[in-house]
Amino acid sequence: MIVAFPFEIPFYEKEGVSVAFHGHPLLEVLERRFASKDDAKRHFGLDPDKKTLVLAPGSRGNEFKYVRPAMFEAARRVLDAVPGWQAAVPVAPRART
């Protein structure tokens, strides 16, 4: 299997899958915006000491409209079951909600 990100390699190796990462065009051209995960969390108003469940319902109007309710309900259940976590929802700049 060829993966898109290097952090995926250990997951597949653990499952016995032959896996390789050969680079990702975006990783090669994008500059890191934050020095650390904690800096990014602070920037977005999140608690750096908590684990974060990121919900990505999509940027197209229909994706957001139809996927969001079920995704948010699932997130509520996870957050109820796993105390001490927080949730974040990145929204594309041009997303219509």
PDB file of N, CA and C in Angstrom:
ATOM      1  N   MET A   1       0.843  -1.152   0.000  1.00  0.00           N
ATOM      2  CA  MET A   1       0.000   0.000   0.000  1.00  0.00           C
ATOM      3  C   MET A   1       0.902   1.233   0.000  1.00  0.00           C
ATOM      4  N   ILE A   2       0.534   2.214  -0.775  1.00  0.00           N
ATOM      5  CA  ILE A   2       1.233   3.501  -0.761  1.00  0.00           C
ATOM      6  C   ILE A   2       0.341   4.464   0.011  1.00  0.00           C
ATOM      7  N   VAL A   3       0.909   5.100   1.031  1.00  0.00           N
ATOM      8  CA  VAL A   3       0.130   5.994   1.890  1.00  0.00           C
ATOM      9  C   VAL A   3       0.450   7.452   1.586  1.00  0.00           C
ATOM     10  N   ALA A   4      -0.475   8.324   1.974  1.00  0.00           N
ATOM     11  CA  ALA A   4      -0.342   9.750   1.690  1.00  0.00           C
ATOM     12  C   ALA A   4       0.511  10.485   2.720  1.00  0.00           C
ATOM     13  N   PHE A   5       0.615   9.935   3.927  1.00  0.00           N
ATOM     14  CA  PHE A   5       1.344  10.612   5.000  1.00  0.00           C
ATOM     15  C   PHE A   5       2.254   9.619   5.720  1.00  0.00           C
ATOM     16  N   PRO A   6       3.432  10.065   6.152  1.00  0.00           N
ATOM     17  CA  PRO A   6       4.376   9.147   6.793  1.00  0.00           C
ATOM     18  C   PRO A   6       3.864   8.560   8.110  1.00  0.00           C
ATOM     19  N   PHE A   7       3.004   9.285   8.823  1.00  0.00           N
ATOM     20  CA  PHE A   7       2.529   8.766  10.110  1.00  0.00           C
ATOM     21  C   PHE A   7       1.620   7.549   9.948  1.00  0.00           C
ATOM     22  N   GLU A   8       1.193   7.246   8.718  1.00  0.00           N
ATOM     23  CA  GLU A   8       0.330   6.094   8.478  1.00  0.00           C
ATOM     24  C   GLU A   8       1.106   4.772   8.432  1.00  0.00           C
ATOM     25  N   ILE A   9       2.395   4.848   8.195  1.00  0.00           N
ATOM     26  CA  ILE A   9       3.211   3.651   8.000  1.00  0.00           C
ATOM     27  C   ILE A   9       3.126   2.675   9.177  1.00  0.00           C
ATOM     28  N   PRO A  10       3.365   3.122  10.432  1.00  0.00           N
ATOM     29  CA  PRO A  10       3.338   2.159  11.543  1.00  0.00           C
ATOM     30  C   PRO A  10       1.996   1.433  11.695  1.00  0.00           C
ATOM     31  N   PHE A  11       0.901   2.113  11.414  1.00  0.00           N
ATOM     32  CA  PHE A  11      -0.412   1.491  11.532  1.00  0.00           C
ATOM     33  C   PHE A  11      -0.513   0.276  10.610  1.00  0.00           C
ATOM     34  N   TYR A  12      -0.151   0.463   9.348  1.00  0.00           N
ATOM     35  CA  TYR A  12      -0.266  -0.635   8.387  1.00  0.00           C
ATOM     36  C   TYR A  12       0.785  -1.714   8.621  1.00  0.00           C
ATOM     37  N   GLU A  13       1.989  -1.307   9.004  1.00  0.00           N
ATOM     38  CA  GLU A  13       3.028  -2.299   9.304  1.00  0.00           C
ATOM     39  C   GLU A  13       2.583  -3.203  10.449  1.00  0.00           C
ATOM     40  N   LYS A  14       1.958  -2.620  11.459  1.00  0.00           N
ATOM     41  CA  LYS A  14       1.486  -3.402  12.603  1.00  0.00           C
ATOM     42  C   LYS A  14       0.463  -4.455  12.173  1.00  0.00           C
ATOM     43  N   GLU A  15      -0.286  -4.149  11.118  1.00  0.00           N
ATOM     44  CA  GLU A  15      -1.297  -5.080  10.612  1.00  0.00           C
ATOM     45  C   GLU A  15      -0.739  -6.034   9.551  1.00  0.00           C
ATOM     46  N   GLY A  16       0.575  -5.952   9.316  1.00  0.00           N
ATOM     47  CA  GLY A  16       1.206  -6.869   8.375  1.00  0.00           C
ATOM     48  C   GLY A  16       1.090  -6.469   6.917  1.00  0.00           C
ATOM     49  N   VAL A  17       0.748  -5.223   6.659  1.00  0.00           N
ATOM     50  CA  VAL A  17       0.592  -4.744   5.284  1.00  0.00           C
ATOM     51  C   VAL A  17       1.919  -4.158   4.813  1.00  0.00           C
ATOM     52  N   SER A  18       2.331  -4.526   3.623  1.00  0.00           N
ATOM     53  CA  SER A  18       3.514  -3.924   3.019  1.00  0.00           C
ATOM     54  C   SER A  18       3.145  -2.483   2.644  1.00  0.00           C
ATOM     55  N   VAL A  19       3.878  -1.517   3.168  1.00  0.00           N
ATOM     56  CA  VAL A  19       3.479  -0.118   3.028  1.00  0.00           C
ATOM     57  C   VAL A  19       4.683   0.755   2.691  1.00  0.00           C
ATOM     58  N   ALA A  20       4.429   1.819   1.931  1.00  0.00           N
ATOM     59  CA  ALA A  20       5.492   2.754   1.559  1.00  0.00           C
ATOM     60  C   ALA A  20       4.926   4.161   1.479  1.00  0.00           C
ATOM     61  N   PHE A  21       5.777   5.114   1.797  1.00  0.00           N
ATOM     62  CA  PHE A  21       5.462   6.534   1.631  1.00  0.00           C
ATOM     63  C   PHE A  21       6.530   7.121   0.729  1.00  0.00           C
ATOM     64  N   HIS A  22       6.115   7.777  -0.351  1.00  0.00           N
ATOM     65  CA  HIS A  22       7.077   8.316  -1.310  1.00  0.00           C
ATOM     66  C   HIS A  22       7.010   9.833  -1.424  1.00  0.00           C
ATOM     67  N   GLY A  23       6.306  10.474  -0.512  1.00  0.00           N
ATOM     68  CA  GLY A  23       6.193  11.919  -0.550  1.00  0.00           C
ATOM     69  C   GLY A  23       4.767  12.346  -0.836  1.00  0.00           C
ATOM     70  N   HIS A  24       4.486  13.574  -0.494  1.00  0.00           N
ATOM     71  CA  HIS A  24       3.159  14.155  -0.726  1.00  0.00           C
ATOM     72  C   HIS A  24       3.388  15.577  -1.215  1.00  0.00           C
ATOM     73  N   PRO A  25       2.853  15.943  -2.360  1.00  0.00           N
ATOM     74  CA  PRO A  25       3.125  17.269  -2.929  1.00  0.00           C
ATOM     75  C   PRO A  25       2.798  18.430  -1.974  1.00  0.00           C
ATOM     76  N   LEU A  26       1.710  18.313  -1.237  1.00  0.00           N
ATOM     77  CA  LEU A  26       1.362  19.400  -0.319  1.00  0.00           C
ATOM     78  C   LEU A  26       2.350  19.509   0.832  1.00  0.00           C
ATOM     79  N   LEU A  27       2.853  18.378   1.317  1.00  0.00           N
ATOM     80  CA  LEU A  27       3.822  18.422   2.404  1.00  0.00           C
ATOM     81  C   LEU A  27       5.120  19.081   1.954  1.00  0.00           C
ATOM     82  N   GLU A  28       5.397  19.029   0.671  1.00  0.00           N
ATOM     83  CA  GLU A  28       6.636  19.590   0.156  1.00  0.00           C
ATOM     84  C   GLU A  28       6.556  21.087  -0.106  1.00  0.00           C
ATOM     85  N   VAL A  29       5.345  21.626  -0.317  1.00  0.00           N
ATOM     86  CA  VAL A  29       5.233  23.048  -0.662  1.00  0.00           C
ATOM     87  C   VAL A  29       4.612  23.908   0.434  1.00  0.00           C
ATOM     88  N   LEU A  30       3.864  23.309   1.337  1.00  0.00           N
ATOM     89  CA  LEU A  30       3.232  24.093   2.398  1.00  0.00           C
ATOM     90  C   LEU A  30       4.207  24.325   3.545  1.00  0.00           C
ATOM     91  N   GLU A  31       4.187  25.536   4.061  1.00  0.00           N
ATOM     92  CA  GLU A  31       5.016  25.838   5.218  1.00  0.00           C
ATOM     93  C   GLU A  31       4.221  25.549   6.488  1.00  0.00           C
ATOM     94  N   ARG A  32       4.924  25.108   7.516  1.00  0.00           N
ATOM     95  CA  ARG A  32       4.284  24.853   8.807  1.00  0.00           C
ATOM     96  C   ARG A  32       3.787  26.187   9.358  1.00  0.00           C
ATOM     97  N   ARG A  33       2.521  26.247   9.726  1.00  0.00           N
ATOM     98  CA  ARG A  33       1.911  27.488  10.211  1.00  0.00           C
ATOM     99  C   ARG A  33       2.174  27.712  11.695  1.00  0.00           C
ATOM    100  N   PHE A  34       2.286  26.642  12.455  1.00  0.00           N
ATOM    101  CA  PHE A  34       2.491  26.739  13.901  1.00  0.00           C
ATOM    102  C   PHE A  34       3.713  25.926  14.290  1.00  0.00           C
ATOM    103  N   ALA A  35       4.410  26.394  15.310  1.00  0.00           N
ATOM    104  CA  ALA A  35       5.626  25.719  15.755  1.00  0.00           C
ATOM    105  C   ALA A  35       5.324  24.373  16.410  1.00  0.00           C
ATOM    106  N   SER A  36       4.129  24.244  16.992  1.00  0.00           N
ATOM    107  CA  SER A  36       3.782  23.003  17.682  1.00  0.00           C
ATOM    108  C   SER A  36       2.270  22.803  17.676  1.00  0.00           C
ATOM    109  N   LYS A  37       1.848  21.599  18.049  1.00  0.00           N
ATOM    110  CA  LYS A  37       0.414  21.324  18.180  1.00  0.00           C
ATOM    111  C   LYS A  37      -0.197  22.216  19.261  1.00  0.00           C
ATOM    112  N   ASP A  38       0.541  22.415  20.362  1.00  0.00           N
ATOM    113  CA  ASP A  38       0.029  23.258  21.442  1.00  0.00           C
ATOM    114  C   ASP A  38      -0.195  24.688  20.966  1.00  0.00           C
ATOM    115  N   ASP A  39       0.728  25.214  20.162  1.00  0.00           N
ATOM    116  CA  ASP A  39       0.555  26.566  19.617  1.00  0.00           C
ATOM    117  C   ASP A  39      -0.680  26.637  18.729  1.00  0.00           C
ATOM    118  N   ALA A  40      -0.902  25.617  17.917  1.00  0.00           N
ATOM    119  CA  ALA A  40      -2.070  25.583  17.040  1.00  0.00           C
ATOM    120  C   ALA A  40      -3.346  25.530  17.877  1.00  0.00           C
ATOM    121  N   LYS A  41      -3.363  24.683  18.901  1.00  0.00           N
ATOM    122  CA  LYS A  41      -4.550  24.597  19.757  1.00  0.00           C
ATOM    123  C   LYS A  41      -4.848  25.944  20.408  1.00  0.00           C
ATOM    124  N   ARG A  42      -3.824  26.587  20.944  1.00  0.00           N
ATOM    125  CA  ARG A  42      -4.038  27.902  21.578  1.00  0.00           C
ATOM    126  C   ARG A  42      -4.588  28.910  20.567  1.00  0.00           C
ATOM    127  N   HIS A  43      -4.042  28.909  19.371  1.00  0.00           N
ATOM    128  CA  HIS A  43      -4.486  29.837  18.329  1.00  0.00           C
ATOM    129  C   HIS A  43      -5.984  29.688  18.062  1.00  0.00           C
ATOM    130  N   PHE A  44      -6.464  28.462  18.083  1.00  0.00           N
ATOM    131  CA  PHE A  44      -7.870  28.212  17.776  1.00  0.00           C
ATOM    132  C   PHE A  44      -8.749  28.151  19.029  1.00  0.00           C
ATOM    133  N   GLY A  45      -8.206  28.562  20.163  1.00  0.00           N
ATOM    134  CA  GLY A  45      -8.992  28.624  21.387  1.00  0.00           C
ATOM    135  C   GLY A  45      -9.244  27.278  22.046  1.00  0.00           C
ATOM    136  N   LEU A  46      -8.382  26.319  21.779  1.00  0.00           N
ATOM    137  CA  LEU A  46      -8.519  24.993  22.361  1.00  0.00           C
ATOM    138  C   LEU A  46      -7.541  24.821  23.514  1.00  0.00           C
ATOM    139  N   ASP A  47      -7.854  23.929  24.412  1.00  0.00           N
ATOM    140  CA  ASP A  47      -7.004  23.643  25.555  1.00  0.00           C
ATOM    141  C   ASP A  47      -5.869  22.719  25.118  1.00  0.00           C
ATOM    142  N   PRO A  48      -4.615  23.172  25.215  1.00  0.00           N
ATOM    143  CA  PRO A  48      -3.490  22.342  24.773  1.00  0.00           C
ATOM    144  C   PRO A  48      -3.331  21.050  25.580  1.00  0.00           C
ATOM    145  N   ASP A  49      -3.896  21.013  26.781  1.00  0.00           N
ATOM    146  CA  ASP A  49      -3.742  19.835  27.635  1.00  0.00           C
ATOM    147  C   ASP A  49      -4.780  18.747  27.360  1.00  0.00           C
ATOM    148  N   LYS A  50      -5.749  19.044  26.501  1.00  0.00           N
ATOM    149  CA  LYS A  50      -6.787  18.057  26.189  1.00  0.00           C
ATOM    150  C   LYS A  50      -6.558  17.445  24.816  1.00  0.00           C
ATOM    151  N   LYS A  51      -6.950  16.192  24.678  1.00  0.00           N
ATOM    152  CA  LYS A  51      -6.954  15.574  23.350  1.00  0.00           C
ATOM    153  C   LYS A  51      -8.128  16.162  22.584  1.00  0.00           C
ATOM    154  N   THR A  52      -7.980  16.225  21.265  1.00  0.00           N
ATOM    155  CA  THR A  52      -8.989  16.885  20.440  1.00  0.00           C
ATOM    156  C   THR A  52      -9.551  15.933  19.401  1.00  0.00           C
ATOM    157  N   LEU A  53     -10.871  15.847  19.376  1.00  0.00           N
ATOM    158  CA  LEU A  53     -11.590  15.099  18.355  1.00  0.00           C
ATOM    159  C   LEU A  53     -11.940  16.094  17.256  1.00  0.00           C
ATOM    160  N   VAL A  54     -11.374  15.901  16.074  1.00  0.00           N
ATOM    161  CA  VAL A  54     -11.626  16.824  14.970  1.00  0.00           C
ATOM    162  C   VAL A  54     -12.722  16.241  14.078  1.00  0.00           C
ATOM    163  N   LEU A  55     -13.741  17.049  13.836  1.00  0.00           N
ATOM    164  CA  LEU A  55     -14.859  16.655  12.988  1.00  0.00           C
ATOM    165  C   LEU A  55     -14.722  17.401  11.669  1.00  0.00           C
ATOM    166  N   ALA A  56     -14.723  16.670  10.572  1.00  0.00           N
ATOM    167  CA  ALA A  56     -14.569  17.287   9.255  1.00  0.00           C
ATOM    168  C   ALA A  56     -15.729  16.861   8.360  1.00  0.00           C
ATOM    169  N   PRO A  57     -16.858  17.567   8.462  1.00  0.00           N
ATOM    170  CA  PRO A  57     -18.041  17.158   7.714  1.00  0.00           C
ATOM    171  C   PRO A  57     -18.008  17.475   6.221  1.00  0.00           C
ATOM    172  N   GLY A  58     -16.992  18.137   5.738  1.00  0.00           N
ATOM    173  CA  GLY A  58     -16.901  18.456   4.310  1.00  0.00           C
ATOM    174  C   GLY A  58     -17.173  19.928   4.059  1.00  0.00           C
ATOM    175  N   SER A  59     -16.770  20.390   2.897  1.00  0.00           N
ATOM    176  CA  SER A  59     -16.889  21.812   2.583  1.00  0.00           C
ATOM    177  C   SER A  59     -18.037  22.130   1.635  1.00  0.00           C
ATOM    178  N   ARG A  60     -18.606  21.121   1.023  1.00  0.00           N
ATOM    179  CA  ARG A  60     -19.731  21.371   0.111  1.00  0.00           C
ATOM    180  C   ARG A  60     -21.012  21.477   0.923  1.00  0.00           C
ATOM    181  N   GLY A  61     -21.897  22.321   0.482  1.00  0.00           N
ATOM    182  CA  GLY A  61     -23.133  22.569   1.213  1.00  0.00           C
ATOM    183  C   GLY A  61     -23.900  21.309   1.550  1.00  0.00           C
ATOM    184  N   ASN A  62     -24.073  20.430   0.571  1.00  0.00           N
ATOM    185  CA  ASN A  62     -24.825  19.195   0.818  1.00  0.00           C
ATOM    186  C   ASN A  62     -24.102  18.261   1.784  1.00  0.00           C
ATOM    187  N   GLU A  63     -22.773  18.204   1.687  1.00  0.00           N
ATOM    188  CA  GLU A  63     -22.024  17.382   2.632  1.00  0.00           C
ATOM    189  C   GLU A  63     -22.289  17.873   4.049  1.00  0.00           C
ATOM    190  N   PHE A  64     -22.155  19.166   4.233  1.00  0.00           N
ATOM    191  CA  PHE A  64     -22.335  19.731   5.564  1.00  0.00           C
ATOM    192  C   PHE A  64     -23.774  19.513   6.038  1.00  0.00           C
ATOM    193  N   LYS A  65     -24.713  19.731   5.161  1.00  0.00           N
ATOM    194  CA  LYS A  65     -26.128  19.614   5.519  1.00  0.00           C
ATOM    195  C   LYS A  65     -26.498  18.186   5.920  1.00  0.00           C
ATOM    196  N   TYR A  66     -26.039  17.205   5.158  1.00  0.00           N
ATOM    197  CA  TYR A  66     -26.472  15.831   5.385  1.00  0.00           C
ATOM    198  C   TYR A  66     -25.562  15.026   6.316  1.00  0.00           C
ATOM    199  N   VAL A  67     -24.283  15.326   6.338  1.00  0.00           N
ATOM    200  CA  VAL A  67     -23.340  14.564   7.153  1.00  0.00           C
ATOM    201  C   VAL A  67     -23.252  15.121   8.579  1.00  0.00           C
ATOM    202  N   ARG A  68     -23.324  16.429   8.689  1.00  0.00           N
ATOM    203  CA  ARG A  68     -23.120  17.086   9.985  1.00  0.00           C
ATOM    204  C   ARG A  68     -23.996  16.550  11.116  1.00  0.00           C
ATOM    205  N   PRO A  69     -25.302  16.396  10.941  1.00  0.00           N
ATOM    206  CA  PRO A  69     -26.113  15.953  12.086  1.00  0.00           C
ATOM    207  C   PRO A  69     -25.657  14.620  12.679  1.00  0.00           C
ATOM    208  N   ALA A  70     -25.423  13.632  11.835  1.00  0.00           N
ATOM    209  CA  ALA A  70     -24.986  12.326  12.327  1.00  0.00           C
ATOM    210  C   ALA A  70     -23.583  12.410  12.927  1.00  0.00           C
ATOM    211  N   MET A  71     -22.707  13.183  12.284  1.00  0.00           N
ATOM    212  CA  MET A  71     -21.345  13.321  12.783  1.00  0.00           C
ATOM    213  C   MET A  71     -21.326  14.003  14.155  1.00  0.00           C
ATOM    214  N   PHE A  72     -22.110  15.054  14.308  1.00  0.00           N
ATOM    215  CA  PHE A  72     -22.146  15.768  15.578  1.00  0.00           C
ATOM    216  C   PHE A  72     -22.770  14.902  16.678  1.00  0.00           C
ATOM    217  N   GLU A  73     -23.767  14.113  16.338  1.00  0.00           N
ATOM    218  CA  GLU A  73     -24.371  13.207  17.323  1.00  0.00           C
ATOM    219  C   GLU A  73     -23.361  12.153  17.756  1.00  0.00           C
ATOM    220  N   ALA A  74     -22.613  11.595  16.806  1.00  0.00           N
ATOM    221  CA  ALA A  74     -21.580  10.618  17.142  1.00  0.00           C
ATOM    222  C   ALA A  74     -20.510  11.260  18.028  1.00  0.00           C
ATOM    223  N   ALA A  75     -20.141  12.484  17.708  1.00  0.00           N
ATOM    224  CA  ALA A  75     -19.137  13.194  18.513  1.00  0.00           C
ATOM    225  C   ALA A  75     -19.649  13.425  19.928  1.00  0.00           C
ATOM    226  N   ARG A  76     -20.917  13.781  20.061  1.00  0.00           N
ATOM    227  CA  ARG A  76     -21.491  14.004  21.388  1.00  0.00           C
ATOM    228  C   ARG A  76     -21.386  12.726  22.204  1.00  0.00           C
ATOM    229  N   ARG A  77     -21.677  11.597  21.587  1.00  0.00           N
ATOM    230  CA  ARG A  77     -21.604  10.318  22.292  1.00  0.00           C
ATOM    231  C   ARG A  77     -20.171   9.988  22.705  1.00  0.00           C
ATOM    232  N   VAL A  78     -19.238  10.244  21.799  1.00  0.00           N
ATOM    233  CA  VAL A  78     -17.829   9.990  22.124  1.00  0.00           C
ATOM    234  C   VAL A  78     -17.390  10.885  23.271  1.00  0.00           C
ATOM    235  N   LEU A  79     -17.710  12.175  23.204  1.00  0.00           N
ATOM    236  CA  LEU A  79     -17.284  13.108  24.244  1.00  0.00           C
ATOM    237  C   LEU A  79     -17.951  12.798  25.578  1.00  0.00           C
ATOM    238  N   ASP A  80     -19.172  12.296  25.559  1.00  0.00           N
ATOM    239  CA  ASP A  80     -19.834  11.878  26.796  1.00  0.00           C
ATOM    240  C   ASP A  80     -19.136  10.662  27.400  1.00  0.00           C
ATOM    241  N   ALA A  81     -18.653   9.776  26.543  1.00  0.00           N
ATOM    242  CA  ALA A  81     -18.035   8.530  27.000  1.00  0.00           C
ATOM    243  C   ALA A  81     -16.561   8.698  27.375  1.00  0.00           C
ATOM    244  N   VAL A  82     -15.921   9.705  26.817  1.00  0.00           N
ATOM    245  CA  VAL A  82     -14.486   9.908  27.045  1.00  0.00           C
ATOM    246  C   VAL A  82     -14.276  11.304  27.627  1.00  0.00           C
ATOM    247  N   PRO A  83     -14.383  11.416  28.946  1.00  0.00           N
ATOM    248  CA  PRO A  83     -14.243  12.746  29.557  1.00  0.00           C
ATOM    249  C   PRO A  83     -12.849  13.330  29.346  1.00  0.00           C
ATOM    250  N   GLY A  84     -12.801  14.637  29.295  1.00  0.00           N
ATOM    251  CA  GLY A  84     -11.521  15.314  29.176  1.00  0.00           C
ATOM    252  C   GLY A  84     -11.085  15.615  27.755  1.00  0.00           C
ATOM    253  N   TRP A  85     -11.886  15.217  26.781  1.00  0.00           N
ATOM    254  CA  TRP A  85     -11.578  15.535  25.392  1.00  0.00           C
ATOM    255  C   TRP A  85     -12.354  16.771  24.985  1.00  0.00           C
ATOM    256  N   GLN A  86     -11.941  17.377  23.891  1.00  0.00           N
ATOM    257  CA  GLN A  86     -12.639  18.518  23.310  1.00  0.00           C
ATOM    258  C   GLN A  86     -12.828  18.254  21.821  1.00  0.00           C
ATOM    259  N   ALA A  87     -13.745  19.008  21.218  1.00  0.00           N
ATOM    260  CA  ALA A  87     -14.008  18.827  19.789  1.00  0.00           C
ATOM    261  C   ALA A  87     -13.701  20.112  19.041  1.00  0.00           C
ATOM    262  N   ALA A  88     -13.303  19.953  17.788  1.00  0.00           N
ATOM    263  CA  ALA A  88     -13.056  21.091  16.907  1.00  0.00           C
ATOM    264  C   ALA A  88     -13.632  20.769  15.535  1.00  0.00           C
ATOM    265  N   VAL A  89     -14.160  21.792  14.893  1.00  0.00           N
ATOM    266  CA  VAL A  89     -14.745  21.624  13.554  1.00  0.00           C
ATOM    267  C   VAL A  89     -14.096  22.645  12.626  1.00  0.00           C
ATOM    268  N   PRO A  90     -13.086  22.228  11.838  1.00  0.00           N
ATOM    269  CA  PRO A  90     -12.513  23.155  10.865  1.00  0.00           C
ATOM    270  C   PRO A  90     -13.504  23.366   9.739  1.00  0.00           C
ATOM    271  N   VAL A  91     -13.683  24.610   9.353  1.00  0.00           N
ATOM    272  CA  VAL A  91     -14.620  24.934   8.294  1.00  0.00           C
ATOM    273  C   VAL A  91     -13.856  25.627   7.171  1.00  0.00           C
ATOM    274  N   ALA A  92     -14.019  25.130   5.958  1.00  0.00           N
ATOM    275  CA  ALA A  92     -13.341  25.723   4.805  1.00  0.00           C
ATOM    276  C   ALA A  92     -13.810  27.168   4.650  1.00  0.00           C
ATOM    277  N   PRO A  93     -12.902  28.071   4.270  1.00  0.00           N
ATOM    278  CA  PRO A  93     -13.254  29.488   4.176  1.00  0.00           C
ATOM    279  C   PRO A  93     -14.474  29.780   3.286  1.00  0.00           C
ATOM    280  N   ARG A  94     -14.648  28.991   2.256  1.00  0.00           N
ATOM    281  CA  ARG A  94     -15.753  29.257   1.343  1.00  0.00           C
ATOM    282  C   ARG A  94     -16.954  28.344   1.576  1.00  0.00           C
ATOM    283  N   ALA A  95     -16.919  27.581   2.658  1.00  0.00           N
ATOM    284  CA  ALA A  95     -18.020  26.655   2.925  1.00  0.00           C
ATOM    285  C   ALA A  95     -19.294  27.432   3.211  1.00  0.00           C
ATOM    286  N   ARG A  96     -20.363  26.959   2.625  1.00  0.00           N
ATOM    287  CA  ARG A  96     -21.680  27.550   2.886  1.00  0.00           C
ATOM    288  C   ARG A  96     -22.403  26.601   3.824  1.00  0.00           C
ATOM    289  N   THR A  97     -22.764  27.101   4.989  1.00  0.00           N
ATOM    290  CA  THR A  97     -23.421  26.230   5.977  1.00  0.00           C
ATOM    291  C   THR A  97     -24.863  26.614   6.158  1.00  0.00           C
TER     292      THR A  97
END
